[in-house]
C-alpha atoms as a PDB file:
ATOM      1  CA  MET A   1       1.162 -16.882   3.790  1.00  0.00           C
ATOM      2  CA  THR A   2      -1.887 -14.642   4.349  1.00  0.00           C
ATOM      3  CA  LYS A   3      -0.980 -11.159   5.519  1.00  0.00           C
ATOM      4  CA  GLY A   4      -2.765  -9.502   8.427  1.00  0.00           C
ATOM      5  CA  ARG A   5      -4.042  -5.959   8.630  1.00  0.00           C
ATOM      6  CA  GLY A   6      -0.843  -4.711  10.259  1.00  0.00           C
ATOM      7  CA  GLU A   7       1.326  -6.135   7.510  1.00  0.00           C
ATOM      8  CA  ARG A   8      -0.922  -4.598   4.832  1.00  0.00           C
ATOM      9  CA  LEU A   9      -0.696  -1.249   6.614  1.00  0.00           C
ATOM     10  CA  ARG A  10       3.099  -1.428   6.696  1.00  0.00           C
ATOM     11  CA  LEU A  11       3.435  -2.482   3.062  1.00  0.00           C
ATOM     12  CA  ALA A  12       0.982   0.185   1.900  1.00  0.00           C
ATOM     13  CA  ARG A  13       2.861   2.851   3.893  1.00  0.00           C
ATOM     14  CA  GLU A  14       6.219   1.817   2.481  1.00  0.00           C
ATOM     15  CA  ALA A  15       4.861   1.604  -1.060  1.00  0.00           C
ATOM     16  CA  ALA A  16       3.507   5.146  -0.652  1.00  0.00           C
ATOM     17  CA  GLU A  17       7.036   6.152   0.450  1.00  0.00           C
ATOM     18  CA  HIS A  18       5.998   7.283   3.940  1.00  0.00           C
ATOM     19  CA  THR A  19       7.924   6.823   7.148  1.00  0.00           C
ATOM     20  CA  LEU A  20       6.262   6.511  10.551  1.00  0.00           C
ATOM     21  CA  ARG A  21       7.195  10.129  11.230  1.00  0.00           C
ATOM     22  CA  SER A  22       5.904  11.412   7.898  1.00  0.00           C
ATOM     23  CA  VAL A  23       2.520   9.776   8.563  1.00  0.00           C
ATOM     24  CA  GLU A  24       2.351  11.625  11.892  1.00  0.00           C
ATOM     25  CA  GLU A  25       3.254  14.888  10.154  1.00  0.00           C
ATOM     26  CA  GLU A  26       0.626  14.375   7.434  1.00  0.00           C
ATOM     27  CA  PHE A  27      -2.041  13.824  10.079  1.00  0.00           C
ATOM     28  CA  LYS A  28      -0.972  16.990  11.896  1.00  0.00           C
ATOM     29  CA  ARG A  29      -1.304  18.960   8.659  1.00  0.00           C
ATOM     30  CA  GLN A  30      -4.890  17.736   8.435  1.00  0.00           C
ATOM     31  CA  ASP A  31      -5.552  18.659  12.087  1.00  0.00           C
ATOM     32  CA  LEU A  32      -5.787  14.978  12.959  1.00  0.00           C
ATOM     33  CA  SER A  33      -4.048  13.185  15.776  1.00  0.00           C
ATOM     34  CA  LEU A  34      -1.950  10.074  15.178  1.00  0.00           C
ATOM     35  CA  SER A  35       1.521   9.577  16.640  1.00  0.00           C
ATOM     36  CA  PHE A  36       4.277   7.651  14.899  1.00  0.00           C
ATOM     37  CA  SER A  37       4.289   5.187  17.815  1.00  0.00           C
ATOM     38  CA  GLN A  38       0.583   4.535  17.320  1.00  0.00           C
ATOM     39  CA  VAL A  39       1.181   3.890  13.613  1.00  0.00           C
ATOM     40  CA  ARG A  40       3.844   1.365  14.607  1.00  0.00           C
ATOM     41  CA  ARG A  41       1.417  -0.373  16.987  1.00  0.00           C
ATOM     42  CA  TYR A  42      -1.202  -0.588  14.247  1.00  0.00           C
ATOM     43  CA  GLU A  43       1.381  -2.285  12.019  1.00  0.00           C
ATOM     44  CA  THR A  44       2.453  -4.823  14.635  1.00  0.00           C
ATOM     45  CA  ASP A  45      -0.775  -5.690  16.476  1.00  0.00           C
ATOM     46  CA  ASP A  46      -3.826  -6.761  14.481  1.00  0.00           C
ATOM     47  CA  THR A  47      -5.977  -6.832  17.623  1.00  0.00           C
ATOM     48  CA  ILE A  48      -5.850  -3.072  18.193  1.00  0.00           C
ATOM     49  CA  ARG A  49      -9.075  -1.342  17.193  1.00  0.00           C
ATOM     50  CA  ILE A  50      -8.573   1.455  14.668  1.00  0.00           C
ATOM     51  CA  LYS A  51     -11.223   4.144  14.482  1.00  0.00           C
ATOM     52  CA  PRO A  52     -13.015   4.066  11.109  1.00  0.00           C
ATOM     53  CA  SER A  53     -12.110   7.716  10.508  1.00  0.00           C
ATOM     54  CA  THR A  54      -8.416   6.993  11.196  1.00  0.00           C
ATOM     55  CA  LEU A  55      -8.367   3.962   8.912  1.00  0.00           C
ATOM     56  CA  ALA A  56     -10.080   5.967   6.171  1.00  0.00           C
ATOM     57  CA  ALA A  57      -7.451   8.706   6.497  1.00  0.00           C
ATOM     58  CA  LEU A  58      -4.637   6.140   6.322  1.00  0.00           C
ATOM     59  CA  ALA A  59      -6.198   4.532   3.245  1.00  0.00           C
ATOM     60  CA  LYS A  60      -6.398   7.913   1.523  1.00  0.00           C
ATOM     61  CA  LEU A  61      -2.802   8.751   2.462  1.00  0.00           C
ATOM     62  CA  TYR A  62      -1.589   5.395   1.151  1.00  0.00           C
ATOM     63  CA  HIS A  63      -3.664   5.609  -2.074  1.00  0.00           C
ATOM     64  CA  THR A  64      -5.613   2.466  -1.244  1.00  0.00           C
ATOM     65  CA  THR A  65      -8.985   1.429   0.190  1.00  0.00           C
ATOM     66  CA  VAL A  66     -10.320   0.709   3.672  1.00  0.00           C
ATOM     67  CA  GLU A  67     -11.599  -2.642   2.406  1.00  0.00           C
ATOM     68  CA  TYR A  68      -8.128  -3.648   1.269  1.00  0.00           C
ATOM     69  CA  LEU A  69      -6.468  -2.606   4.540  1.00  0.00           C
ATOM     70  CA  ASN A  70      -9.079  -4.409   6.629  1.00  0.00           C
ATOM     71  CA  THR A  71      -9.489  -7.622   4.651  1.00  0.00           C
ATOM     72  CA  GLY A  72      -6.946  -7.726   1.822  1.00  0.00           C
ATOM     73  CA  SER A  73      -9.903  -8.127  -0.532  1.00  0.00           C
ATOM     74  CA  ARG A  74      -9.673  -6.798  -4.088  1.00  0.00           C
ATOM     75  CA  THR A  75     -13.072  -7.141  -5.720  1.00  0.00           C
ATOM     76  CA  GLY A  76     -12.449  -4.952  -8.763  1.00  0.00           C
ATOM     77  CA  LYS A  77     -15.327  -2.697  -7.714  1.00  0.00           C
ATOM     78  CA  GLU A  78     -12.988   0.159  -6.826  1.00  0.00           C
ATOM     79  CA  SER A  79     -11.901   2.736  -9.355  1.00  0.00           C
ATOM     80  CA  PHE A  80      -8.367   2.066 -10.557  1.00  0.00           C
ATOM     81  CA  SER A  81      -7.445   5.450  -9.052  1.00  0.00           C
ATOM     82  CA  SER A  82      -8.081   4.022  -5.577  1.00  0.00           C
ATOM     83  CA  MET A  83      -6.455   0.596  -5.829  1.00  0.00           C
ATOM     84  CA  PRO A  84      -3.482  -0.225  -3.580  1.00  0.00           C
ATOM     85  CA  THR A  85      -0.163   1.327  -4.455  1.00  0.00           C
ATOM     86  CA  ARG A  86       2.055  -0.787  -6.712  1.00  0.00           C
ATOM     87  CA  TYR A  87       5.098  -2.667  -5.509  1.00  0.00           C
ATOM     88  CA  ILE A  88       8.181  -0.770  -6.704  1.00  0.00           C
ATOM     89  CA  VAL A  89      11.586  -2.454  -6.959  1.00  0.00           C
ATOM     90  CA  THR A  90      14.805  -0.439  -6.737  1.00  0.00           C
ATOM     91  CA  ASP A  91      18.475  -1.344  -6.860  1.00  0.00           C
ATOM     92  CA  ASN A  92      20.964  -0.552  -4.098  1.00  0.00           C
ATOM     93  CA  LYS A  93      21.300   2.994  -5.438  1.00  0.00           C
ATOM     94  CA  GLY A  94      17.554   3.661  -5.343  1.00  0.00           C
ATOM     95  CA  ARG A  95      17.073   3.426  -9.100  1.00  0.00           C
ATOM     96  CA  ALA A  96      13.822   1.911 -10.313  1.00  0.00           C
ATOM     97  CA  GLN A  97      13.909  -1.614 -11.673  1.00  0.00           C
ATOM     98  CA  ILE A  98      11.333  -2.741 -14.228  1.00  0.00           C
ATOM     99  CA  LEU A  99       9.356  -5.820 -13.211  1.00  0.00           C
ATOM    100  CA  ILE A 100       8.857  -8.211 -16.128  1.00  0.00           C
ATOM    101  CA  VAL A 101       5.429  -9.846 -16.419  1.00  0.00           C
ATOM    102  CA  PRO A 102       5.613 -12.736 -18.917  1.00  0.00           C
ATOM    103  CA  HIS A 103       2.425 -13.986 -20.546  1.00  0.00           C
ATOM    104  CA  LYS A 104       2.501 -17.220 -18.532  1.00  0.00           C
ATOM    105  CA  ALA A 105       2.448 -15.183 -15.293  1.00  0.00           C
ATOM    106  CA  ALA A 106      -0.499 -12.963 -16.264  1.00  0.00           C
ATOM    107  CA  ALA A 107      -3.114 -14.762 -14.148  1.00  0.00           C
ATOM    108  CA  GLY A 108      -0.856 -14.937 -11.106  1.00  0.00           C
ATOM    109  CA  TYR A 109       0.113 -11.295 -11.480  1.00  0.00           C
ATOM    110  CA  ARG A 110      -3.528 -10.161 -11.365  1.00  0.00           C
ATOM    111  CA  GLN A 111      -4.049 -12.119  -8.156  1.00  0.00           C
ATOM    112  CA  HIS A 112      -0.922 -10.808  -6.422  1.00  0.00           C
ATOM    113  CA  LEU A 113      -0.744  -7.141  -7.410  1.00  0.00           C
ATOM    114  CA  THR A 114       0.361  -6.047  -3.927  1.00  0.00           C
ATOM    115  CA  ASP A 115       2.055  -9.262  -2.790  1.00  0.00           C
ATOM    116  CA  SER A 116       5.693  -8.249  -2.364  1.00  0.00           C
ATOM    117  CA  GLU A 117       6.799 -11.871  -1.977  1.00  0.00           C
ATOM    118  CA  TYR A 118       5.236 -12.931  -5.295  1.00  0.00           C
ATOM    119  CA  LEU A 119       6.291  -9.811  -7.185  1.00  0.00           C
ATOM    120  CA  GLY A 120       9.778 -10.019  -5.732  1.00  0.00           C
ATOM    121  CA  ASN A 121      10.255 -13.348  -7.513  1.00  0.00           C
ATOM    122  CA  LEU A 122       9.587 -11.856 -10.956  1.00  0.00           C
ATOM    123  CA  ASP A 123      12.554 -11.029 -13.153  1.00  0.00           C
ATOM    124  CA  THR A 124      13.599  -7.393 -13.491  1.00  0.00           C
ATOM    125  CA  MET A 125      15.373  -5.267 -16.051  1.00  0.00           C
ATOM    126  CA  SER A 126      16.783  -1.733 -16.221  1.00  0.00           C
ATOM    127  CA  LEU A 127      16.850   0.751 -19.087  1.00  0.00           C
ATOM    128  CA  PRO A 128      18.340   4.230 -19.518  1.00  0.00           C
ATOM    129  CA  GLY A 129      15.700   6.862 -18.770  1.00  0.00           C
ATOM    130  CA  PHE A 130      13.569   4.477 -16.724  1.00  0.00           C
ATOM    131  CA  ASP A 131      15.313   4.833 -13.368  1.00  0.00           C
ATOM    132  CA  LYS A 132      12.698   7.033 -11.661  1.00  0.00           C
ATOM    133  CA  GLY A 133       9.058   6.016 -11.627  1.00  0.00           C
ATOM    134  CA  ASP A 134       6.768   3.008 -11.511  1.00  0.00           C
ATOM    135  CA  PHE A 135       7.328   0.687 -14.477  1.00  0.00           C
ATOM    136  CA  ARG A 136       6.372  -2.777 -15.708  1.00  0.00           C
ATOM    137  CA  ALA A 137       7.347  -4.735 -18.815  1.00  0.00           C
ATOM    138  CA  PHE A 138       4.547  -6.915 -20.166  1.00  0.00           C
ATOM    139  CA  GLU A 139       4.912  -9.701 -22.734  1.00  0.00           C
ATOM    140  CA  ILE A 140       2.384  -9.336 -25.526  1.00  0.00           C
ATOM    141  CA  SER A 141       0.114 -12.252 -26.387  1.00  0.00           C
ATOM    142  CA  GLY A 142      -2.525 -12.427 -29.094  1.00  0.00           C
ATOM    143  CA  THR A 143      -2.785 -10.566 -32.384  1.00  0.00           C
ATOM    144  CA  SER A 144      -5.283  -7.787 -31.673  1.00  0.00           C
ATOM    145  CA  MET A 145      -2.592  -5.079 -31.874  1.00  0.00           C
ATOM    146  CA  THR A 146      -0.654  -6.346 -34.891  1.00  0.00           C
ATOM    147  CA  PRO A 147       1.260  -5.040 -36.738  1.00  0.00           C
ATOM    148  CA  THR A 148       2.199  -2.526 -34.004  1.00  0.00           C
ATOM    149  CA  PHE A 149       2.796  -5.222 -31.395  1.00  0.00           C
ATOM    150  CA  GLU A 150       3.416  -8.894 -32.151  1.00  0.00           C
ATOM    151  CA  PRO A 151       3.076 -11.895 -29.832  1.00  0.00           C
ATOM    152  CA  GLY A 152       6.227 -12.158 -27.736  1.00  0.00           C
ATOM    153  CA  ASP A 153       7.044  -8.442 -27.866  1.00  0.00           C
ATOM    154  CA  LEU A 154       7.982  -6.895 -24.530  1.00  0.00           C
ATOM    155  CA  VAL A 155       6.511  -3.459 -23.847  1.00  0.00           C
ATOM    156  CA  VAL A 156       7.728  -1.179 -21.073  1.00  0.00           C
ATOM    157  CA  CYS A 157       4.953   0.848 -19.494  1.00  0.00           C
ATOM    158  CA  GLU A 158       4.516   3.483 -16.787  1.00  0.00           C
ATOM    159  CA  HIS A 159       1.689   3.379 -14.272  1.00  0.00           C
ATOM    160  CA  ILE A 160      -1.120   5.942 -14.367  1.00  0.00           C
ATOM    161  CA  GLU A 161      -3.560   6.600 -11.527  1.00  0.00           C
ATOM    162  CA  ARG A 162      -6.636   8.258 -13.037  1.00  0.00           C
ATOM    163  CA  PRO A 163      -8.743   8.264 -16.204  1.00  0.00           C
ATOM    164  CA  GLU A 164      -7.830  11.945 -16.525  1.00  0.00           C
ATOM    165  CA  ASP A 165      -4.232  10.888 -17.162  1.00  0.00           C
ATOM    166  CA  ILE A 166      -5.186   8.979 -20.327  1.00  0.00           C
ATOM    167  CA  ILE A 167      -3.977  10.364 -23.649  1.00  0.00           C
ATOM    168  CA  ASP A 168      -6.775   9.435 -26.044  1.00  0.00           C
ATOM    169  CA  GLY A 169      -5.682   6.962 -28.693  1.00  0.00           C
ATOM    170  CA  HIS A 170      -2.425   6.016 -26.973  1.00  0.00           C
ATOM    171  CA  PRO A 171      -1.672   2.331 -26.250  1.00  0.00           C
ATOM    172  CA  TYR A 172      -2.143   1.178 -22.655  1.00  0.00           C
ATOM    173  CA  VAL A 173      -1.785  -2.143 -20.917  1.00  0.00           C
ATOM    174  CA  LEU A 174      -4.941  -2.766 -18.919  1.00  0.00           C
ATOM    175  CA  VAL A 175      -4.899  -5.161 -15.981  1.00  0.00           C
ATOM    176  CA  THR A 176      -8.566  -5.950 -15.438  1.00  0.00           C
ATOM    177  CA  THR A 177     -10.751  -8.341 -13.489  1.00  0.00           C
ATOM    178  CA  GLU A 178     -10.828 -10.519 -16.634  1.00  0.00           C
ATOM    179  CA  GLY A 179      -7.226 -10.469 -17.841  1.00  0.00           C
ATOM    180  CA  ILE A 180      -4.357  -8.368 -19.210  1.00  0.00           C
ATOM    181  CA  CYS A 181      -4.428  -6.738 -22.640  1.00  0.00           C
ATOM    182  CA  ILE A 182      -2.891  -3.876 -24.590  1.00  0.00           C
ATOM    183  CA  LYS A 183      -5.270  -1.531 -26.432  1.00  0.00           C
ATOM    184  CA  ARG A 184      -5.606   2.030 -27.610  1.00  0.00           C
ATOM    185  CA  VAL A 185      -7.757   3.777 -25.026  1.00  0.00           C
ATOM    186  CA  THR A 186     -10.083   6.763 -25.251  1.00  0.00           C
ATOM    187  CA  ASN A 187     -11.405   8.266 -22.027  1.00  0.00           C
ATOM    188  CA  MET A 188     -15.204   8.437 -22.248  1.00  0.00           C
ATOM    189  CA  VAL A 189     -15.744   8.221 -18.490  1.00  0.00           C
ATOM    190  CA  GLU A 190     -17.030  11.750 -17.936  1.00  0.00           C
ATOM    191  CA  LYS A 191     -19.370  11.710 -20.952  1.00  0.00           C
ATOM    192  CA  LYS A 192     -20.565   8.111 -21.010  1.00  0.00           C
ATOM    193  CA  GLY A 193     -19.084   6.374 -17.992  1.00  0.00           C
ATOM    194  CA  TYR A 194     -16.711   3.987 -19.790  1.00  0.00           C
ATOM    195  CA  LEU A 195     -13.360   3.624 -21.519  1.00  0.00           C
ATOM    196  CA  LEU A 196     -13.329   2.929 -25.251  1.00  0.00           C
ATOM    197  CA  ILE A 197     -10.698   0.336 -26.191  1.00  0.00           C
ATOM    198  CA  GLU A 198      -9.599  -0.257 -29.782  1.00  0.00           C
ATOM    199  CA  SER A 199      -7.222  -2.620 -31.570  1.00  0.00           C
ATOM    200  CA  ASP A 200      -4.824  -1.914 -34.432  1.00  0.00           C
ATOM    201  CA  ASN A 201      -5.807  -5.176 -36.131  1.00  0.00           C
ATOM    202  CA  PRO A 202      -8.986  -4.367 -38.123  1.00  0.00           C
ATOM    203  CA  ALA A 203     -10.274  -7.893 -37.490  1.00  0.00           C
ATOM    204  CA  TYR A 204     -11.042  -6.848 -33.908  1.00  0.00           C
ATOM    205  CA  LYS A 205     -13.985  -4.554 -33.191  1.00  0.00           C
ATOM    206  CA  PRO A 206     -13.845  -1.672 -30.677  1.00  0.00           C
ATOM    207  CA  ASP A 207     -15.119  -2.475 -27.205  1.00  0.00           C
ATOM    208  CA  ILE A 208     -15.835  -0.696 -23.933  1.00  0.00           C
ATOM    209  CA  ILE A 209     -14.661  -1.315 -20.402  1.00  0.00           C
ATOM    210  CA  MET A 210     -15.925   0.181 -17.157  1.00  0.00           C
ATOM    211  CA  PRO A 211     -13.428   1.938 -14.853  1.00  0.00           C
ATOM    212  CA  ASN A 212     -14.392  -0.330 -11.953  1.00  0.00           C
ATOM    213  CA  GLU A 213     -13.148  -3.320 -13.948  1.00  0.00           C
ATOM    214  CA  VAL A 214      -9.645  -1.864 -14.193  1.00  0.00           C
ATOM    215  CA  LEU A 215      -7.207  -2.942 -11.497  1.00  0.00           C
ATOM    216  CA  GLU A 216      -4.172  -1.217 -13.022  1.00  0.00           C
ATOM    217  CA  MET A 217      -3.463   0.813 -16.148  1.00  0.00           C
ATOM    218  CA  TRP A 218      -0.008   1.222 -17.680  1.00  0.00           C
ATOM    219  CA  LYS A 219       0.940   3.745 -20.362  1.00  0.00           C
ATOM    220  CA  TYR A 220       3.059   2.289 -23.171  1.00  0.00           C
ATOM    221  CA  ARG A 221       6.508   3.860 -23.269  1.00  0.00           C
ATOM    222  CA  LYS A 222       8.889   1.589 -25.196  1.00  0.00           C
ATOM    223  CA  LYS A 223       9.099  -1.713 -27.064  1.00  0.00           C
ATOM    224  CA  VAL A 224      12.291  -3.589 -26.258  1.00  0.00           C
ATOM    225  CA  THR A 225      11.848  -6.480 -28.690  1.00  0.00           C
ATOM    226  CA  GLU A 226      11.493  -6.433 -32.443  1.00  0.00           C
END
């Protein structure tokens, strides 16, 4: 079922861990006016007009884009630092659960990055030391990173927001407009405007990817299969 603007606003707020009251307080801190009751009306009535400046402030607060809030559209033209906040699953004690993205679900995952209904149907796992944060476990396909990672390996990764967070040469799972892959990444954005991606398998040549092609980037933390 297609979500309306109000539903996207609510989901983005909850994903950013804001309550109606905390949104009001954040606006006050910025000398802006928006009551918690008005936020609630925005989330329940798609016909209410929202001032462009207010919608832009909400998008910034929720770490997303005005385009996404208005239309639900994800074109891949945004920097991955401004894409909608990820869907985070927790158990009944508030501990983070790791969503598992199998290879066969890769295409669907890219199309439903903020769809709580779709993501909620994916399997989850928990690991010691991974109970606070934003994590995914991706199944490796292909041989570009052998012998470090083999097809079928499951890698647990933590989300990063900005190119500045990249540790050059470290493995990252990149969710892009074209697919999902794991590569060693070097941040060349400031100097040359792109990310350098390299494989461990010498049969694969280095390549480049533009930041606006990246929908999500996940820092490799642990391999849970051998």
